[in-house]
Amino acid sequence: MTTTTAPTTLYVTNACQFCGAASTVELTAAEVAAWITGAPIQDAMPDRPAPSRELVRNGTHPECWTAMFGSAE
């Protein structure tokens, strides 16, 4: 996983553990701070779709997550 930063925005890029394709998720510094200090990811990033949170959490990119589990909505 690589992370690049701007003043309040972080871009997390992770290769999918299932297909190997890379995807990037744009997060705020506040979302990342909440998550790394122990908040459950769905609480730290409530406005992010579940597939995007899964990319950050375990390396499953949104397309594979949706293919495996269906739409988050």
N, C-alpha and C. Protein backbone atom coordinates (compact mmCIF):
# COMPACT_ATOMS: atom_id res chain seq x y z
N MET A 1 0.86 -1.17 0.00
CA MET A 1 0.00 0.00 0.00
C MET A 1 0.89 1.22 0.00
N THR A 2 0.51 2.22 -0.79
CA THR A 2 1.22 3.50 -0.77
C THR A 2 0.23 4.58 -0.38
N THR A 3 0.73 5.59 0.29
CA THR A 3 -0.10 6.71 0.70
C THR A 3 0.61 7.99 0.32
N THR A 4 -0.08 8.88 -0.39
CA THR A 4 0.46 10.20 -0.68
C THR A 4 -0.42 11.21 0.01
N THR A 5 0.15 12.34 0.36
CA THR A 5 -0.64 13.30 1.13
C THR A 5 -0.63 14.69 0.52
N ALA A 6 -1.71 15.38 0.74
CA ALA A 6 -1.85 16.81 0.51
C ALA A 6 -2.20 17.36 1.89
N PRO A 7 -2.39 18.64 2.08
CA PRO A 7 -2.60 19.15 3.43
C PRO A 7 -3.67 18.42 4.25
N THR A 8 -4.84 18.16 3.70
CA THR A 8 -5.87 17.47 4.47
C THR A 8 -6.44 16.27 3.73
N THR A 9 -5.82 15.88 2.65
CA THR A 9 -6.30 14.76 1.85
C THR A 9 -5.22 13.71 1.73
N LEU A 10 -5.60 12.45 1.90
CA LEU A 10 -4.68 11.35 1.70
C LEU A 10 -5.24 10.46 0.61
N TYR A 11 -4.37 9.94 -0.22
CA TYR A 11 -4.76 9.03 -1.28
C TYR A 11 -4.14 7.68 -0.95
N VAL A 12 -4.98 6.70 -0.68
CA VAL A 12 -4.50 5.36 -0.35
C VAL A 12 -4.66 4.50 -1.59
N THR A 13 -3.55 3.92 -2.05
CA THR A 13 -3.56 3.04 -3.20
C THR A 13 -3.16 1.65 -2.73
N ASN A 14 -3.98 0.68 -3.08
CA ASN A 14 -3.74 -0.68 -2.65
C ASN A 14 -4.00 -1.62 -3.82
N ALA A 15 -3.20 -2.68 -3.92
CA ALA A 15 -3.45 -3.70 -4.93
C ALA A 15 -4.45 -4.70 -4.36
N CYS A 16 -5.44 -5.04 -5.14
CA CYS A 16 -6.48 -5.97 -4.70
C CYS A 16 -5.87 -7.34 -4.45
N GLN A 17 -6.23 -7.93 -3.32
CA GLN A 17 -5.71 -9.24 -2.98
C GLN A 17 -6.32 -10.35 -3.83
N PHE A 18 -7.41 -10.05 -4.56
CA PHE A 18 -8.05 -11.06 -5.38
C PHE A 18 -7.63 -11.00 -6.84
N CYS A 19 -7.62 -9.80 -7.43
CA CYS A 19 -7.31 -9.71 -8.86
C CYS A 19 -5.99 -9.01 -9.16
N GLY A 20 -5.41 -8.34 -8.16
CA GLY A 20 -4.13 -7.66 -8.35
C GLY A 20 -4.23 -6.24 -8.89
N ALA A 21 -5.42 -5.80 -9.31
CA ALA A 21 -5.58 -4.44 -9.83
C ALA A 21 -5.43 -3.42 -8.71
N ALA A 22 -4.83 -2.30 -9.02
CA ALA A 22 -4.66 -1.23 -8.03
C ALA A 22 -5.84 -0.27 -8.09
N SER A 23 -6.26 0.18 -6.92
CA SER A 23 -7.31 1.19 -6.81
C SER A 23 -6.88 2.21 -5.79
N THR A 24 -7.39 3.43 -5.93
CA THR A 24 -7.04 4.51 -5.02
C THR A 24 -8.30 5.06 -4.38
N VAL A 25 -8.21 5.31 -3.07
CA VAL A 25 -9.31 5.91 -2.32
C VAL A 25 -8.82 7.23 -1.76
N GLU A 26 -9.61 8.28 -1.95
CA GLU A 26 -9.29 9.60 -1.39
C GLU A 26 -9.96 9.71 -0.02
N LEU A 27 -9.16 10.01 1.00
CA LEU A 27 -9.66 10.14 2.37
C LEU A 27 -9.23 11.46 2.96
N THR A 28 -9.96 11.91 3.95
CA THR A 28 -9.53 13.10 4.68
C THR A 28 -8.58 12.67 5.79
N ALA A 29 -7.76 13.60 6.23
CA ALA A 29 -6.85 13.32 7.33
C ALA A 29 -7.64 12.94 8.58
N ALA A 30 -8.80 13.56 8.79
CA ALA A 30 -9.63 13.25 9.96
C ALA A 30 -10.14 11.81 9.92
N GLU A 31 -10.53 11.33 8.73
CA GLU A 31 -10.99 9.95 8.61
C GLU A 31 -9.88 8.97 8.97
N VAL A 32 -8.70 9.22 8.42
CA VAL A 32 -7.57 8.33 8.70
C VAL A 32 -7.21 8.38 10.18
N ALA A 33 -7.17 9.57 10.76
CA ALA A 33 -6.83 9.71 12.18
C ALA A 33 -7.82 8.95 13.05
N ALA A 34 -9.10 9.07 12.75
CA ALA A 34 -10.12 8.36 13.54
C ALA A 34 -9.93 6.86 13.45
N TRP A 35 -9.64 6.36 12.25
CA TRP A 35 -9.49 4.92 12.06
C TRP A 35 -8.24 4.38 12.75
N ILE A 36 -7.11 5.06 12.57
CA ILE A 36 -5.87 4.53 13.16
C ILE A 36 -5.82 4.68 14.67
N THR A 37 -6.70 5.50 15.23
CA THR A 37 -6.75 5.61 16.69
C THR A 37 -7.82 4.70 17.29
N GLY A 38 -8.41 3.84 16.49
CA GLY A 38 -9.27 2.80 17.03
C GLY A 38 -10.74 2.81 16.69
N ALA A 39 -11.21 3.82 15.99
CA ALA A 39 -12.63 3.83 15.61
C ALA A 39 -12.87 2.73 14.57
N PRO A 40 -14.00 2.04 14.65
CA PRO A 40 -14.34 1.09 13.58
C PRO A 40 -14.37 1.85 12.25
N ILE A 41 -13.92 1.19 11.20
CA ILE A 41 -13.77 1.88 9.92
C ILE A 41 -15.10 2.48 9.44
N GLN A 42 -16.22 1.81 9.70
CA GLN A 42 -17.51 2.35 9.27
C GLN A 42 -17.89 3.60 10.05
N ASP A 43 -17.35 3.77 11.25
CA ASP A 43 -17.58 4.99 12.02
C ASP A 43 -16.59 6.09 11.63
N ALA A 44 -15.35 5.69 11.34
CA ALA A 44 -14.32 6.65 10.96
C ALA A 44 -14.57 7.23 9.58
N MET A 45 -15.18 6.43 8.69
CA MET A 45 -15.40 6.83 7.30
C MET A 45 -16.85 6.58 6.91
N PRO A 46 -17.81 7.17 7.61
CA PRO A 46 -19.22 6.84 7.37
C PRO A 46 -19.74 7.26 6.00
N ASP A 47 -19.10 8.23 5.37
CA ASP A 47 -19.57 8.71 4.07
C ASP A 47 -18.94 7.95 2.91
N ARG A 48 -18.03 7.04 3.20
CA ARG A 48 -17.39 6.23 2.15
C ARG A 48 -18.21 4.97 1.93
N PRO A 49 -18.37 4.55 0.68
CA PRO A 49 -19.08 3.30 0.43
C PRO A 49 -18.30 2.12 1.01
N ALA A 50 -19.00 1.09 1.41
CA ALA A 50 -18.36 -0.09 2.00
C ALA A 50 -17.24 -0.65 1.12
N PRO A 51 -17.41 -0.75 -0.21
CA PRO A 51 -16.31 -1.28 -1.02
C PRO A 51 -15.03 -0.44 -0.92
N SER A 52 -15.15 0.86 -0.81
CA SER A 52 -13.97 1.71 -0.67
C SER A 52 -13.30 1.49 0.68
N ARG A 53 -14.11 1.33 1.72
CA ARG A 53 -13.54 1.05 3.04
C ARG A 53 -12.81 -0.29 3.04
N GLU A 54 -13.33 -1.27 2.32
CA GLU A 54 -12.66 -2.57 2.26
C GLU A 54 -11.30 -2.48 1.58
N LEU A 55 -11.17 -1.61 0.58
CA LEU A 55 -9.86 -1.43 -0.04
C LEU A 55 -8.86 -0.95 0.99
N VAL A 56 -9.25 0.01 1.80
CA VAL A 56 -8.36 0.54 2.83
C VAL A 56 -8.08 -0.52 3.88
N ARG A 57 -9.11 -1.21 4.32
CA ARG A 57 -9.00 -2.13 5.45
C ARG A 57 -8.27 -3.42 5.10
N ASN A 58 -8.60 -4.03 3.96
CA ASN A 58 -8.01 -5.34 3.70
C ASN A 58 -7.52 -5.58 2.28
N GLY A 59 -7.51 -4.55 1.46
CA GLY A 59 -6.93 -4.70 0.13
C GLY A 59 -7.85 -5.29 -0.92
N THR A 60 -9.15 -5.29 -0.70
CA THR A 60 -10.08 -5.75 -1.73
C THR A 60 -10.62 -4.53 -2.45
N HIS A 61 -10.34 -4.41 -3.76
CA HIS A 61 -10.78 -3.20 -4.44
C HIS A 61 -12.29 -3.23 -4.68
N PRO A 62 -12.88 -2.06 -4.89
CA PRO A 62 -14.34 -1.96 -4.95
C PRO A 62 -15.01 -2.90 -5.93
N GLU A 63 -14.45 -3.10 -7.10
CA GLU A 63 -15.10 -3.95 -8.09
C GLU A 63 -15.17 -5.40 -7.62
N CYS A 64 -14.08 -5.92 -7.02
CA CYS A 64 -14.10 -7.30 -6.51
C CYS A 64 -15.02 -7.42 -5.30
N TRP A 65 -15.02 -6.42 -4.43
CA TRP A 65 -15.88 -6.45 -3.25
C TRP A 65 -17.34 -6.53 -3.69
N THR A 66 -17.72 -5.69 -4.66
CA THR A 66 -19.09 -5.68 -5.15
C THR A 66 -19.42 -7.00 -5.85
N ALA A 67 -18.48 -7.55 -6.61
CA ALA A 67 -18.72 -8.83 -7.28
C ALA A 67 -18.94 -9.96 -6.27
N MET A 68 -18.22 -9.91 -5.16
CA MET A 68 -18.34 -10.96 -4.15
C MET A 68 -19.56 -10.79 -3.26
N PHE A 69 -19.88 -9.54 -2.86
CA PHE A 69 -20.90 -9.32 -1.84
C PHE A 69 -22.10 -8.51 -2.31
N GLY A 70 -22.08 -8.01 -3.53
CA GLY A 70 -23.19 -7.20 -4.02
C GLY A 70 -23.03 -5.74 -3.65
N SER A 71 -23.97 -4.94 -4.07
CA SER A 71 -23.92 -3.51 -3.82
C SER A 71 -24.11 -3.20 -2.35
N ALA A 72 -23.40 -2.19 -1.86
CA ALA A 72 -23.50 -1.78 -0.46
C ALA A 72 -24.81 -1.06 -0.19
N GLU A 73 -25.45 -0.53 -1.21
CA GLU A 73 -26.68 0.23 -1.02
C GLU A 73 -27.88 -0.67 -0.95
